Amino acid sequence: MKTKAELITKISLLKQKIDQCLDDRDREGFIRLSYELKVCQRYLGSLMNNPENRLKGRLEQNRDKFFHL
């Protein structure tokens, strides 16, 4: 969970820096930060789509731990 929060924070900061590059007309900074933003967004997307990271997937994996008959 901490990794997701860190990625969301980093994405937010990257967007702010990209806005600043646009204001300053810094093409190289814009390209570099945009690439980094895409990488972070794809990684976050893969974390969100991974069944092991979903609540339902975790409950199914831990089902035996909940029901000791």
C-alpha atoms as a PDB file:
ATOM      1  CA  MET A   1       0.000   0.000   0.000  1.00  0.00           C
ATOM      2  CA  LYS A   2       2.876   2.357   0.779  1.00  0.00           C
ATOM      3  CA  THR A   3       4.256   1.937  -2.731  1.00  0.00           C
ATOM      4  CA  LYS A   4       0.959   3.033  -4.283  1.00  0.00           C
ATOM      5  CA  ALA A   5       0.785   6.124  -2.090  1.00  0.00           C
ATOM      6  CA  GLU A   6       4.372   7.032  -2.927  1.00  0.00           C
ATOM      7  CA  LEU A   7       3.685   6.619  -6.640  1.00  0.00           C
ATOM      8  CA  ILE A   8       0.562   8.765  -6.482  1.00  0.00           C
ATOM      9  CA  THR A   9       2.534  11.466  -4.675  1.00  0.00           C
ATOM     10  CA  LYS A  10       5.354  11.271  -7.219  1.00  0.00           C
ATOM     11  CA  ILE A  11       2.880  11.484 -10.111  1.00  0.00           C
ATOM     12  CA  SER A  12       1.313  14.585  -8.586  1.00  0.00           C
ATOM     13  CA  LEU A  13       4.704  16.242  -8.145  1.00  0.00           C
ATOM     14  CA  LEU A  14       5.741  15.337 -11.683  1.00  0.00           C
ATOM     15  CA  LYS A  15       2.581  16.951 -13.054  1.00  0.00           C
ATOM     16  CA  GLN A  16       3.389  20.137 -11.165  1.00  0.00           C
ATOM     17  CA  LYS A  17       6.939  20.131 -12.524  1.00  0.00           C
ATOM     18  CA  ILE A  18       5.632  19.535 -16.057  1.00  0.00           C
ATOM     19  CA  ASP A  19       3.294  22.514 -15.678  1.00  0.00           C
ATOM     20  CA  GLN A  20       6.264  24.603 -14.581  1.00  0.00           C
ATOM     21  CA  CYS A  21       8.256  23.448 -17.624  1.00  0.00           C
ATOM     22  CA  LEU A  22       5.376  24.503 -19.856  1.00  0.00           C
ATOM     23  CA  ASP A  23       5.265  27.905 -18.170  1.00  0.00           C
ATOM     24  CA  ASP A  24       9.035  28.288 -18.607  1.00  0.00           C
ATOM     25  CA  ARG A  25       8.950  26.861 -22.148  1.00  0.00           C
ATOM     26  CA  ASP A  26      11.540  24.248 -21.117  1.00  0.00           C
ATOM     27  CA  ARG A  27      11.160  21.663 -23.877  1.00  0.00           C
ATOM     28  CA  GLU A  28      13.890  19.293 -22.655  1.00  0.00           C
ATOM     29  CA  GLY A  29      12.582  19.285 -19.095  1.00  0.00           C
ATOM     30  CA  PHE A  30       9.055  18.727 -20.366  1.00  0.00           C
ATOM     31  CA  ILE A  31      10.101  15.722 -22.462  1.00  0.00           C
ATOM     32  CA  ARG A  32      12.175  14.182 -19.643  1.00  0.00           C
ATOM     33  CA  LEU A  33       9.496  14.651 -16.997  1.00  0.00           C
ATOM     34  CA  SER A  34       6.708  13.492 -19.316  1.00  0.00           C
ATOM     35  CA  TYR A  35       8.573  10.257 -19.955  1.00  0.00           C
ATOM     36  CA  GLU A  36       9.106   9.736 -16.224  1.00  0.00           C
ATOM     37  CA  LEU A  37       5.402  10.443 -15.625  1.00  0.00           C
ATOM     38  CA  LYS A  38       4.366   7.818 -18.182  1.00  0.00           C
ATOM     39  CA  VAL A  39       6.615   5.232 -16.542  1.00  0.00           C
ATOM     40  CA  CYS A  40       5.185   5.968 -13.089  1.00  0.00           C
ATOM     41  CA  GLN A  41       1.589   5.875 -14.370  1.00  0.00           C
ATOM     42  CA  ARG A  42       2.139   2.541 -16.108  1.00  0.00           C
ATOM     43  CA  TYR A  43       3.745   1.051 -13.022  1.00  0.00           C
ATOM     44  CA  LEU A  44       0.870   2.292 -10.850  1.00  0.00           C
ATOM     45  CA  GLY A  45      -1.599   0.856 -13.357  1.00  0.00           C
ATOM     46  CA  SER A  46       0.115  -2.515 -13.227  1.00  0.00           C
ATOM     47  CA  LEU A  47      -0.007  -2.465  -9.422  1.00  0.00           C
ATOM     48  CA  MET A  48      -3.707  -1.615  -9.478  1.00  0.00           C
ATOM     49  CA  ASN A  49      -4.534  -4.314 -12.056  1.00  0.00           C
ATOM     50  CA  ASN A  50      -2.553  -7.036 -10.310  1.00  0.00           C
ATOM     51  CA  PRO A  51      -5.083  -9.426  -8.713  1.00  0.00           C
ATOM     52  CA  GLU A  52      -2.804  -9.998  -5.725  1.00  0.00           C
ATOM     53  CA  ASN A  53      -3.091  -6.324  -4.827  1.00  0.00           C
ATOM     54  CA  ARG A  54      -6.871  -6.241  -4.924  1.00  0.00           C
ATOM     55  CA  LEU A  55      -8.830  -6.832  -1.760  1.00  0.00           C
ATOM     56  CA  LYS A  56     -10.802  -9.699  -3.281  1.00  0.00           C
ATOM     57  CA  GLY A  57      -7.613 -11.422  -4.397  1.00  0.00           C
ATOM     58  CA  ARG A  58      -6.047 -11.053  -0.975  1.00  0.00           C
ATOM     59  CA  LEU A  59      -9.165 -12.416   0.719  1.00  0.00           C
ATOM     60  CA  GLU A  60      -9.170 -15.457  -1.561  1.00  0.00           C
ATOM     61  CA  GLN A  61      -5.512 -16.109  -0.852  1.00  0.00           C
ATOM     62  CA  ASN A  62      -6.063 -15.843   2.896  1.00  0.00           C
ATOM     63  CA  ARG A  63      -9.362 -17.723   3.008  1.00  0.00           C
ATOM     64  CA  ASP A  64      -7.812 -20.634   4.920  1.00  0.00           C
ATOM     65  CA  LYS A  65      -6.554 -18.273   7.588  1.00  0.00           C
ATOM     66  CA  PHE A  66     -10.069 -17.007   8.299  1.00  0.00           C
ATOM     67  CA  PHE A  67     -11.874 -20.334   8.502  1.00  0.00           C
ATOM     68  CA  HIS A  68     -10.296 -22.843  10.845  1.00  0.00           C
ATOM     69  CA  LEU A  69     -12.878 -25.623  11.132  1.00  0.00           C
END
